[in-house]
Amino acid sequence: AAAKTVPAGQNPLLQPWTGPYQGVPPWDKLDPELFP
């Protein structure tokens, strides 16, 4: 199946982790279609 098209700079899986503890994984943004 075609992967989700993600505009440049907007894929949350590619962003540095933010939040406390030097940043934590954004598990609430987990979406298989974002991985390709």
Full PDB file with SEQRES, HELIX, SHEET, SSBOND, CRYST1, ORIGX, SCALE, CONECT and MASTER records, all heavy atoms in Angstrom:
SEQRES   1 A   36  ALA ALA ALA LYS THR VAL PRO ALA GLY GLN ASN PRO LEU          
SEQRES   2 A   36  LEU GLN PRO TRP THR GLY PRO TYR GLN GLY VAL PRO PRO          
SEQRES   3 A   36  TRP ASP LYS LEU ASP PRO GLU LEU PHE PRO                      
HELIX    1 AA1 PRO A   12  LEU A   14  5                                   3    
HELIX    2 AA2 TRP A   27  LYS A   29  5                                   3    
HELIX    3 AA3 PRO A   32  LEU A   34  5                                   3    
CRYST1    1.000    1.000    1.000  90.00  90.00  90.00 P 1           1          
ORIGX1      1.000000  0.000000  0.000000        0.00000                         
ORIGX2      0.000000  1.000000  0.000000        0.00000                         
ORIGX3      0.000000  0.000000  1.000000        0.00000                         
SCALE1      1.000000  0.000000  0.000000        0.00000                         
SCALE2      0.000000  1.000000  0.000000        0.00000                         
SCALE3      0.000000  0.000000  1.000000        0.00000                         
ATOM      1  N   ALA A   1       0.838  -1.195   0.000  1.00  0.00           N  
ATOM      2  CA  ALA A   1       0.000   0.000   0.000  1.00  0.00           C  
ATOM      3  C   ALA A   1       0.873   1.244   0.000  1.00  0.00           C  
ATOM      4  O   ALA A   1       1.976   1.256   0.544  1.00  0.00           O  
ATOM      5  CB  ALA A   1      -0.910  -0.008   1.230  1.00  0.00           C  
ATOM      6  N   ALA A   2       0.407   2.270  -0.650  1.00  0.00           N  
ATOM      7  CA  ALA A   2       1.177   3.502  -0.745  1.00  0.00           C  
ATOM      8  C   ALA A   2       1.408   4.094   0.637  1.00  0.00           C  
ATOM      9  O   ALA A   2       0.507   4.136   1.473  1.00  0.00           O  
ATOM     10  CB  ALA A   2       0.442   4.500  -1.627  1.00  0.00           C  
ATOM     11  N   ALA A   3       2.655   4.528   0.887  1.00  0.00           N  
ATOM     12  CA  ALA A   3       2.969   5.133   2.174  1.00  0.00           C  
ATOM     13  C   ALA A   3       2.358   6.520   2.267  1.00  0.00           C  
ATOM     14  O   ALA A   3       2.096   7.174   1.261  1.00  0.00           O  
ATOM     15  CB  ALA A   3       4.491   5.214   2.344  1.00  0.00           C  
ATOM     16  N   LYS A   4       2.153   6.945   3.490  1.00  0.00           N  
ATOM     17  CA  LYS A   4       1.580   8.267   3.715  1.00  0.00           C  
ATOM     18  C   LYS A   4       2.563   9.332   3.252  1.00  0.00           C  
ATOM     19  O   LYS A   4       3.756   9.277   3.556  1.00  0.00           O  
ATOM     20  CB  LYS A   4       1.261   8.441   5.193  1.00  0.00           C  
ATOM     21  CG  LYS A   4       0.649   9.785   5.548  1.00  0.00           C  
ATOM     22  CD  LYS A   4       0.332   9.859   7.035  1.00  0.00           C  
ATOM     23  CE  LYS A   4      -0.827   8.961   7.410  1.00  0.00           C  
ATOM     24  NZ  LYS A   4      -1.251   9.147   8.827  1.00  0.00           N  
ATOM     25  N   THR A   5       2.078  10.288   2.489  1.00  0.00           N  
ATOM     26  CA  THR A   5       2.909  11.395   2.049  1.00  0.00           C  
ATOM     27  C   THR A   5       3.014  12.413   3.177  1.00  0.00           C  
ATOM     28  O   THR A   5       2.011  12.892   3.698  1.00  0.00           O  
ATOM     29  CB  THR A   5       2.318  12.076   0.799  1.00  0.00           C  
ATOM     30  OG1 THR A   5       2.203  11.104  -0.245  1.00  0.00           O  
ATOM     31  CG2 THR A   5       3.194  13.221   0.341  1.00  0.00           C  
ATOM     32  N   VAL A   6       4.257  12.718   3.556  1.00  0.00           N  
ATOM     33  CA  VAL A   6       4.477  13.626   4.673  1.00  0.00           C  
ATOM     34  C   VAL A   6       5.277  14.823   4.184  1.00  0.00           C  
ATOM     35  O   VAL A   6       6.376  14.653   3.649  1.00  0.00           O  
ATOM     36  CB  VAL A   6       5.237  12.927   5.822  1.00  0.00           C  
ATOM     37  CG1 VAL A   6       5.356  13.859   7.014  1.00  0.00           C  
ATOM     38  CG2 VAL A   6       4.537  11.639   6.217  1.00  0.00           C  
ATOM     39  N   PRO A   7       4.756  16.017   4.329  1.00  0.00           N  
ATOM     40  CA  PRO A   7       5.505  17.207   3.915  1.00  0.00           C  
ATOM     41  C   PRO A   7       6.850  17.281   4.620  1.00  0.00           C  
ATOM     42  O   PRO A   7       7.005  16.826   5.759  1.00  0.00           O  
ATOM     43  CB  PRO A   7       4.593  18.371   4.328  1.00  0.00           C  
ATOM     44  CG  PRO A   7       3.228  17.771   4.408  1.00  0.00           C  
ATOM     45  CD  PRO A   7       3.428  16.358   4.858  1.00  0.00           C  
ATOM     46  N   ALA A   8       7.830  17.854   3.935  1.00  0.00           N  
ATOM     47  CA  ALA A   8       9.177  17.957   4.494  1.00  0.00           C  
ATOM     48  C   ALA A   8       9.149  18.620   5.865  1.00  0.00           C  
ATOM     49  O   ALA A   8       8.497  19.642   6.067  1.00  0.00           O  
ATOM     50  CB  ALA A   8      10.067  18.757   3.547  1.00  0.00           C  
ATOM     51  N   GLY A   9       9.841  17.998   6.810  1.00  0.00           N  
ATOM     52  CA  GLY A   9       9.960  18.558   8.141  1.00  0.00           C  
ATOM     53  C   GLY A   9       8.776  18.337   9.042  1.00  0.00           C  
ATOM     54  O   GLY A   9       8.758  18.835  10.178  1.00  0.00           O  
ATOM     55  N   GLN A  10       7.772  17.569   8.593  1.00  0.00           N  
ATOM     56  CA  GLN A  10       6.568  17.413   9.400  1.00  0.00           C  
ATOM     57  C   GLN A  10       6.333  15.992   9.904  1.00  0.00           C  
ATOM     58  O   GLN A  10       5.306  15.728  10.520  1.00  0.00           O  
ATOM     59  CB  GLN A  10       5.346  17.893   8.609  1.00  0.00           C  
ATOM     60  CG  GLN A  10       5.358  19.382   8.321  1.00  0.00           C  
ATOM     61  CD  GLN A  10       4.077  19.855   7.671  1.00  0.00           C  
ATOM     62  OE1 GLN A  10       3.024  19.224   7.813  1.00  0.00           O  
ATOM     63  NE2 GLN A  10       4.149  20.965   6.953  1.00  0.00           N  
ATOM     64  N   ASN A  11       7.232  15.066   9.625  1.00  0.00           N  
ATOM     65  CA  ASN A  11       7.069  13.706  10.134  1.00  0.00           C  
ATOM     66  C   ASN A  11       7.508  13.676  11.600  1.00  0.00           C  
ATOM     67  O   ASN A  11       8.689  13.876  11.901  1.00  0.00           O  
ATOM     68  CB  ASN A  11       7.902  12.719   9.313  1.00  0.00           C  
ATOM     69  CG  ASN A  11       7.583  11.278   9.639  1.00  0.00           C  
ATOM     70  OD1 ASN A  11       7.209  10.949  10.760  1.00  0.00           O  
ATOM     71  ND2 ASN A  11       7.735  10.403   8.666  1.00  0.00           N  
ATOM     72  N   PRO A  12       6.592  13.418  12.534  1.00  0.00           N  
ATOM     73  CA  PRO A  12       6.960  13.463  13.961  1.00  0.00           C  
ATOM     74  C   PRO A  12       7.983  12.406  14.348  1.00  0.00           C  
ATOM     75  O   PRO A  12       8.683  12.565  15.356  1.00  0.00           O  
ATOM     76  CB  PRO A  12       5.624  13.240  14.677  1.00  0.00           C  
ATOM     77  CG  PRO A  12       4.757  12.540  13.688  1.00  0.00           C  
ATOM     78  CD  PRO A  12       5.156  13.096  12.346  1.00  0.00           C  
ATOM     79  N   LEU A  13       8.095  11.335  13.563  1.00  0.00           N  
ATOM     80  CA  LEU A  13       9.066  10.292  13.886  1.00  0.00           C  
ATOM     81  C   LEU A  13      10.494  10.762  13.655  1.00  0.00           C  
ATOM     82  O   LEU A  13      11.442  10.168  14.177  1.00  0.00           O  
ATOM     83  CB  LEU A  13       8.798   9.042  13.043  1.00  0.00           C  
ATOM     84  CG  LEU A  13       7.398   8.421  13.138  1.00  0.00           C  
ATOM     85  CD1 LEU A  13       7.342   7.144  12.316  1.00  0.00           C  
ATOM     86  CD2 LEU A  13       7.010   8.143  14.585  1.00  0.00           C  
ATOM     87  N   LEU A  14      10.663  11.818  12.857  1.00  0.00           N  
ATOM     88  CA  LEU A  14      11.996  12.317  12.532  1.00  0.00           C  
ATOM     89  C   LEU A  14      12.446  13.456  13.436  1.00  0.00           C  
ATOM     90  O   LEU A  14      13.606  13.863  13.393  1.00  0.00           O  
ATOM     91  CB  LEU A  14      12.031  12.787  11.071  1.00  0.00           C  
ATOM     92  CG  LEU A  14      11.857  11.699  10.015  1.00  0.00           C  
ATOM     93  CD1 LEU A  14      11.609  12.315   8.648  1.00  0.00           C  
ATOM     94  CD2 LEU A  14      13.081  10.792   9.967  1.00  0.00           C  
ATOM     95  N   GLN A  15      11.543  13.960  14.241  1.00  0.00           N  
ATOM     96  CA  GLN A  15      11.865  15.128  15.055  1.00  0.00           C  
ATOM     97  C   GLN A  15      12.631  14.717  16.313  1.00  0.00           C  
ATOM     98  O   GLN A  15      12.406  13.644  16.866  1.00  0.00           O  
ATOM     99  CB  GLN A  15      10.580  15.857  15.459  1.00  0.00           C  
ATOM    100  CG  GLN A  15       9.685  16.236  14.291  1.00  0.00           C  
ATOM    101  CD  GLN A  15      10.421  17.000  13.211  1.00  0.00           C  
ATOM    102  OE1 GLN A  15      11.156  17.937  13.503  1.00  0.00           O  
ATOM    103  NE2 GLN A  15      10.251  16.581  11.968  1.00  0.00           N  
ATOM    104  N   PRO A  16      13.532  15.580  16.777  1.00  0.00           N  
ATOM    105  CA  PRO A  16      14.169  15.319  18.081  1.00  0.00           C  
ATOM    106  C   PRO A  16      13.093  15.186  19.155  1.00  0.00           C  
ATOM    107  O   PRO A  16      12.080  15.895  19.121  1.00  0.00           O  
ATOM    108  CB  PRO A  16      15.030  16.574  18.302  1.00  0.00           C  
ATOM    109  CG  PRO A  16      15.298  17.090  16.921  1.00  0.00           C  
ATOM    110  CD  PRO A  16      14.060  16.796  16.126  1.00  0.00           C  
ATOM    111  N   TRP A  17      13.310  14.298  20.091  1.00  0.00           N  
ATOM    112  CA  TRP A  17      12.324  14.076  21.139  1.00  0.00           C  
ATOM    113  C   TRP A  17      12.310  15.266  22.091  1.00  0.00           C  
ATOM    114  O   TRP A  17      13.356  15.802  22.469  1.00  0.00           O  
ATOM    115  CB  TRP A  17      12.634  12.794  21.890  1.00  0.00           C  
ATOM    116  CG  TRP A  17      12.457  11.566  21.028  1.00  0.00           C  
ATOM    117  CD1 TRP A  17      11.765  11.476  19.862  1.00  0.00           C  
ATOM    118  CD2 TRP A  17      13.000  10.270  21.278  1.00  0.00           C  
ATOM    119  NE1 TRP A  17      11.825  10.205  19.360  1.00  0.00           N  
ATOM    120  CE2 TRP A  17      12.577   9.430  20.214  1.00  0.00           C  
ATOM    121  CE3 TRP A  17      13.794   9.729  22.281  1.00  0.00           C  
ATOM    122  CZ2 TRP A  17      12.927   8.087  20.135  1.00  0.00           C  
ATOM    123  CZ3 TRP A  17      14.141   8.379  22.207  1.00  0.00           C  
ATOM    124  CH2 TRP A  17      13.707   7.575  21.151  1.00  0.00           C  
ATOM    125  N   THR A  18      11.115  15.663  22.472  1.00  0.00           N  
ATOM    126  CA  THR A  18      10.946  16.807  23.357  1.00  0.00           C  
ATOM    127  C   THR A  18      10.331  16.354  24.679  1.00  0.00           C  
ATOM    128  O   THR A  18      10.017  15.184  24.869  1.00  0.00           O  
ATOM    129  CB  THR A  18      10.049  17.869  22.696  1.00  0.00           C  
ATOM    130  OG1 THR A  18       8.761  17.276  22.418  1.00  0.00           O  
ATOM    131  CG2 THR A  18      10.667  18.376  21.403  1.00  0.00           C  
ATOM    132  N   GLY A  19      10.141  17.317  25.579  1.00  0.00           N  
ATOM    133  CA  GLY A  19       9.551  17.006  26.867  1.00  0.00           C  
ATOM    134  C   GLY A  19      10.605  16.836  27.939  1.00  0.00           C  
ATOM    135  O   GLY A  19      11.781  17.158  27.751  1.00  0.00           O  
ATOM    136  N   PRO A  20      10.213  16.304  29.084  1.00  0.00           N  
ATOM    137  CA  PRO A  20      11.153  16.156  30.209  1.00  0.00           C  
ATOM    138  C   PRO A  20      12.169  15.045  29.961  1.00  0.00           C  
ATOM    139  O   PRO A  20      12.085  14.307  28.975  1.00  0.00           O  
ATOM    140  CB  PRO A  20      10.227  15.798  31.371  1.00  0.00           C  
ATOM    141  CG  PRO A  20       9.068  15.106  30.719  1.00  0.00           C  
ATOM    142  CD  PRO A  20       8.870  15.803  29.400  1.00  0.00           C  
ATOM    143  N   TYR A  21      13.124  14.931  30.864  1.00  0.00           N  
ATOM    144  CA  TYR A  21      14.117  13.839  30.855  1.00  0.00           C  
ATOM    145  C   TYR A  21      14.942  13.828  29.571  1.00  0.00           C  
ATOM    146  O   TYR A  21      15.207  12.773  28.989  1.00  0.00           O  
ATOM    147  CB  TYR A  21      13.433  12.479  31.069  1.00  0.00           C  
ATOM    148  CG  TYR A  21      12.427  12.489  32.179  1.00  0.00           C  
ATOM    149  CD1 TYR A  21      11.072  12.317  31.922  1.00  0.00           C  
ATOM    150  CD2 TYR A  21      12.830  12.706  33.501  1.00  0.00           C  
ATOM    151  CE1 TYR A  21      10.136  12.349  32.939  1.00  0.00           C  
ATOM    152  CE2 TYR A  21      11.900  12.742  34.530  1.00  0.00           C  
ATOM    153  CZ  TYR A  21      10.552  12.569  34.247  1.00  0.00           C  
ATOM    154  OH  TYR A  21       9.615  12.611  35.258  1.00  0.00           O  
ATOM    155  N   GLN A  22      15.335  15.004  29.097  1.00  0.00           N  
ATOM    156  CA  GLN A  22      16.099  15.150  27.854  1.00  0.00           C  
ATOM    157  C   GLN A  22      15.295  14.735  26.628  1.00  0.00           C  
ATOM    158  O   GLN A  22      15.846  14.457  25.567  1.00  0.00           O  
ATOM    159  CB  GLN A  22      17.416  14.360  27.907  1.00  0.00           C  
ATOM    160  CG  GLN A  22      18.354  14.795  29.021  1.00  0.00           C  
ATOM    161  CD  GLN A  22      19.648  14.001  29.039  1.00  0.00           C  
ATOM    162  OE1 GLN A  22      20.061  13.418  28.037  1.00  0.00           O  
ATOM    163  NE2 GLN A  22      20.305  13.970  30.198  1.00  0.00           N  
ATOM    164  N   GLY A  23      13.993  14.691  26.764  1.00  0.00           N  
ATOM    165  CA  GLY A  23      13.125  14.296  25.657  1.00  0.00           C  
ATOM    166  C   GLY A  23      12.729  12.841  25.752  1.00  0.00           C  
ATOM    167  O   GLY A  23      13.530  11.981  26.127  1.00  0.00           O  
ATOM    168  N   VAL A  24      11.455  12.558  25.429  1.00  0.00           N  
ATOM    169  CA  VAL A  24      10.940  11.187  25.473  1.00  0.00           C  
ATOM    170  C   VAL A  24      10.261  10.867  24.149  1.00  0.00           C  
ATOM    171  O   VAL A  24       9.820  11.769  23.428  1.00  0.00           O  
ATOM    172  CB  VAL A  24       9.940  11.008  26.637  1.00  0.00           C  
ATOM    173  CG1 VAL A  24      10.645  11.134  27.978  1.00  0.00           C  
ATOM    174  CG2 VAL A  24       8.796  12.016  26.545  1.00  0.00           C  
ATOM    175  N   PRO A  25      10.158   9.591  23.794  1.00  0.00           N  
ATOM    176  CA  PRO A  25       9.547   9.217  22.510  1.00  0.00           C  
ATOM    177  C   PRO A  25       8.086   9.666  22.428  1.00  0.00           C  
ATOM    178  O   PRO A  25       7.336   9.520  23.402  1.00  0.00           O  
ATOM    179  CB  PRO A  25       9.656   7.689  22.493  1.00  0.00           C  
ATOM    180  CG  PRO A  25      10.751   7.369  23.453  1.00  0.00           C  
ATOM    181  CD  PRO A  25      10.683   8.413  24.520  1.00  0.00           C  
ATOM    182  N   PRO A  26       7.671  10.160  21.266  1.00  0.00           N  
ATOM    183  CA  PRO A  26       6.279  10.600  21.094  1.00  0.00           C  
ATOM    184  C   PRO A  26       5.374   9.424  20.739  1.00  0.00           C  
ATOM    185  O   PRO A  26       4.863   9.311  19.623  1.00  0.00           O  
ATOM    186  CB  PRO A  26       6.383  11.596  19.932  1.00  0.00           C  
ATOM    187  CG  PRO A  26       7.511  11.065  19.100  1.00  0.00           C  
ATOM    188  CD  PRO A  26       8.495  10.457  20.074  1.00  0.00           C  
ATOM    189  N   TRP A  27       5.166   8.538  21.712  1.00  0.00           N  
ATOM    190  CA  TRP A  27       4.389   7.331  21.439  1.00  0.00           C  
ATOM    191  C   TRP A  27       2.963   7.656  20.992  1.00  0.00           C  
ATOM    192  O   TRP A  27       2.341   6.859  20.278  1.00  0.00           O  
ATOM    193  CB  TRP A  27       4.347   6.435  22.680  1.00  0.00           C  
ATOM    194  CG  TRP A  27       5.685   5.974  23.154  1.00  0.00           C  
ATOM    195  CD1 TRP A  27       6.255   6.208  24.368  1.00  0.00           C  
ATOM    196  CD2 TRP A  27       6.653   5.203  22.424  1.00  0.00           C  
ATOM    197  NE1 TRP A  27       7.504   5.632  24.442  1.00  0.00           N  
ATOM    198  CE2 TRP A  27       7.771   5.004  23.261  1.00  0.00           C  
ATOM    199  CE3 TRP A  27       6.681   4.656  21.137  1.00  0.00           C  
ATOM    200  CZ2 TRP A  27       8.898   4.292  22.872  1.00  0.00           C  
ATOM    201  CZ3 TRP A  27       7.803   3.947  20.733  1.00  0.00           C  
ATOM    202  CH2 TRP A  27       8.896   3.774  21.597  1.00  0.00           C  
ATOM    203  N   ASP A  28       2.465   8.818  21.380  1.00  0.00           N  
ATOM    204  CA  ASP A  28       1.123   9.205  20.948  1.00  0.00           C  
ATOM    205  C   ASP A  28       1.072   9.556  19.466  1.00  0.00           C  
ATOM    206  O   ASP A  28      -0.005   9.704  18.894  1.00  0.00           O  
ATOM    207  CB  ASP A  28       0.618  10.387  21.778  1.00  0.00           C  
ATOM    208  CG  ASP A  28       1.610  11.544  21.823  1.00  0.00           C  
ATOM    209  OD1 ASP A  28       2.817  11.306  21.643  1.00  0.00           O  
ATOM    210  OD2 ASP A  28       1.177  12.689  22.048  1.00  0.00           O  
ATOM    211  N   LYS A  29       2.251   9.676  18.826  1.00  0.00           N  
ATOM    212  CA  LYS A  29       2.307   9.972  17.387  1.00  0.00           C  
ATOM    213  C   LYS A  29       2.607   8.711  16.567  1.00  0.00           C  
ATOM    214  O   LYS A  29       2.817   8.785  15.358  1.00  0.00           O  
ATOM    215  CB  LYS A  29       3.386  11.020  17.107  1.00  0.00           C  
ATOM    216  CG  LYS A  29       3.221  12.327  17.874  1.00  0.00           C  
ATOM    217  CD  LYS A  29       2.035  13.119  17.381  1.00  0.00           C  
ATOM    218  CE  LYS A  29       2.051  14.562  17.873  1.00  0.00           C  
ATOM    219  NZ  LYS A  29       2.095  14.684  19.333  1.00  0.00           N  
ATOM    220  N   LEU A  30       2.661   7.551  17.232  1.00  0.00           N  
ATOM    221  CA  LEU A  30       3.022   6.319  16.541  1.00  0.00           C  
ATOM    222  C   LEU A  30       1.984   5.981  15.477  1.00  0.00           C  
ATOM    223  O   LEU A  30       0.787   5.897  15.758  1.00  0.00           O  
ATOM    224  CB  LEU A  30       3.109   5.179  17.561  1.00  0.00           C  
ATOM    225  CG  LEU A  30       4.066   4.019  17.277  1.00  0.00           C  
ATOM    226  CD1 LEU A  30       5.495   4.515  17.134  1.00  0.00           C  
ATOM    227  CD2 LEU A  30       3.987   2.995  18.409  1.00  0.00           C  
ATOM    228  N   ASP A  31       2.430   5.805  14.243  1.00  0.00           N  
ATOM    229  CA  ASP A  31       1.546   5.516  13.110  1.00  0.00           C  
ATOM    230  C   ASP A  31       2.355   4.726  12.095  1.00  0.00           C  
ATOM    231  O   ASP A  31       3.337   5.241  11.551  1.00  0.00           O  
ATOM    232  CB  ASP A  31       1.038   6.821  12.499  1.00  0.00           C  
ATOM    233  CG  ASP A  31       0.138   6.601  11.284  1.00  0.00           C  
ATOM    234  OD1 ASP A  31       0.015   5.455  10.814  1.00  0.00           O  
ATOM    235  OD2 ASP A  31      -0.432   7.599  10.797  1.00  0.00           O  
ATOM    236  N   PRO A  32       1.993   3.469  11.809  1.00  0.00           N  
ATOM    237  CA  PRO A  32       2.782   2.672  10.863  1.00  0.00           C  
ATOM    238  C   PRO A  32       3.009   3.365   9.529  1.00  0.00           C  
ATOM    239  O   PRO A  32       4.073   3.208   8.913  1.00  0.00           O  
ATOM    240  CB  PRO A  32       1.947   1.397  10.699  1.00  0.00           C  
ATOM    241  CG  PRO A  32       1.134   1.302  11.939  1.00  0.00           C  
ATOM    242  CD  PRO A  32       0.846   2.715  12.349  1.00  0.00           C  
ATOM    243  N   GLU A  33       2.031   4.140   9.083  1.00  0.00           N  
ATOM    244  CA  GLU A  33       2.137   4.763   7.765  1.00  0.00           C  
ATOM    245  C   GLU A  33       3.228   5.822   7.693  1.00  0.00           C  
ATOM    246  O   GLU A  33       3.637   6.222   6.599  1.00  0.00           O  
ATOM    247  CB  GLU A  33       0.790   5.386   7.382  1.00  0.00           C  
ATOM    248  CG  GLU A  33      -0.365   4.405   7.339  1.00  0.00           C  
ATOM    249  CD  GLU A  33      -0.163   3.284   6.333  1.00  0.00           C  
ATOM    250  OE1 GLU A  33       0.670   3.435   5.414  1.00  0.00           O  
ATOM    251  OE2 GLU A  33      -0.837   2.250   6.461  1.00  0.00           O  
ATOM    252  N   LEU A  34       3.702   6.289   8.829  1.00  0.00           N  
ATOM    253  CA  LEU A  34       4.749   7.308   8.838  1.00  0.00           C  
ATOM    254  C   LEU A  34       6.149   6.718   8.676  1.00  0.00           C  
ATOM    255  O   LEU A  34       7.094   7.449   8.372  1.00  0.00           O  
ATOM    256  CB  LEU A  34       4.694   8.099  10.145  1.00  0.00           C  
ATOM    257  CG  LEU A  34       3.450   8.964  10.391  1.00  0.00           C  
ATOM    258  CD1 LEU A  34       3.487   9.531  11.804  1.00  0.00           C  
ATOM    259  CD2 LEU A  34       3.358  10.083   9.360  1.00  0.00           C  
ATOM    260  N   PHE A  35       6.305   5.413   8.878  1.00  0.00           N  
ATOM    261  CA  PHE A  35       7.642   4.832   8.907  1.00  0.00           C  
ATOM    262  C   PHE A  35       8.341   4.776   7.553  1.00  0.00           C  
ATOM    263  O   PHE A  35       9.547   5.049   7.491  1.00  0.00           O  
ATOM    264  CB  PHE A  35       7.603   3.455   9.571  1.00  0.00           C  
ATOM    265  CG  PHE A  35       7.577   3.530  11.066  1.00  0.00           C  
ATOM    266  CD1 PHE A  35       6.386   3.405  11.765  1.00  0.00           C  
ATOM    267  CD2 PHE A  35       8.733   3.763  11.788  1.00  0.00           C  
ATOM    268  CE1 PHE A  35       6.343   3.499  13.142  1.00  0.00           C  
ATOM    269  CE2 PHE A  35       8.706   3.858  13.175  1.00  0.00           C  
ATOM    270  CZ  PHE A  35       7.510   3.726  13.857  1.00  0.00           C  
ATOM    271  N   PRO A  36       7.674   4.427   6.445  1.00  0.00           N  
ATOM    272  CA  PRO A  36       8.410   4.436   5.171  1.00  0.00           C  
ATOM    273  C   PRO A  36       9.071   5.779   4.880  1.00  0.00           C  
ATOM    274  O   PRO A  36      10.238   5.836   4.470  1.00  0.00           O  
ATOM    275  CB  PRO A  36       7.326   4.086   4.149  1.00  0.00           C  
ATOM    276  CG  PRO A  36       6.359   3.237   4.918  1.00  0.00           C  
ATOM    277  CD  PRO A  36       6.322   3.863   6.283  1.00  0.00           C  
TER     278      PRO A  36                                                      
MASTER        0    0    0    3    0    0    0    6  277    1    0    3          
END                                                                             
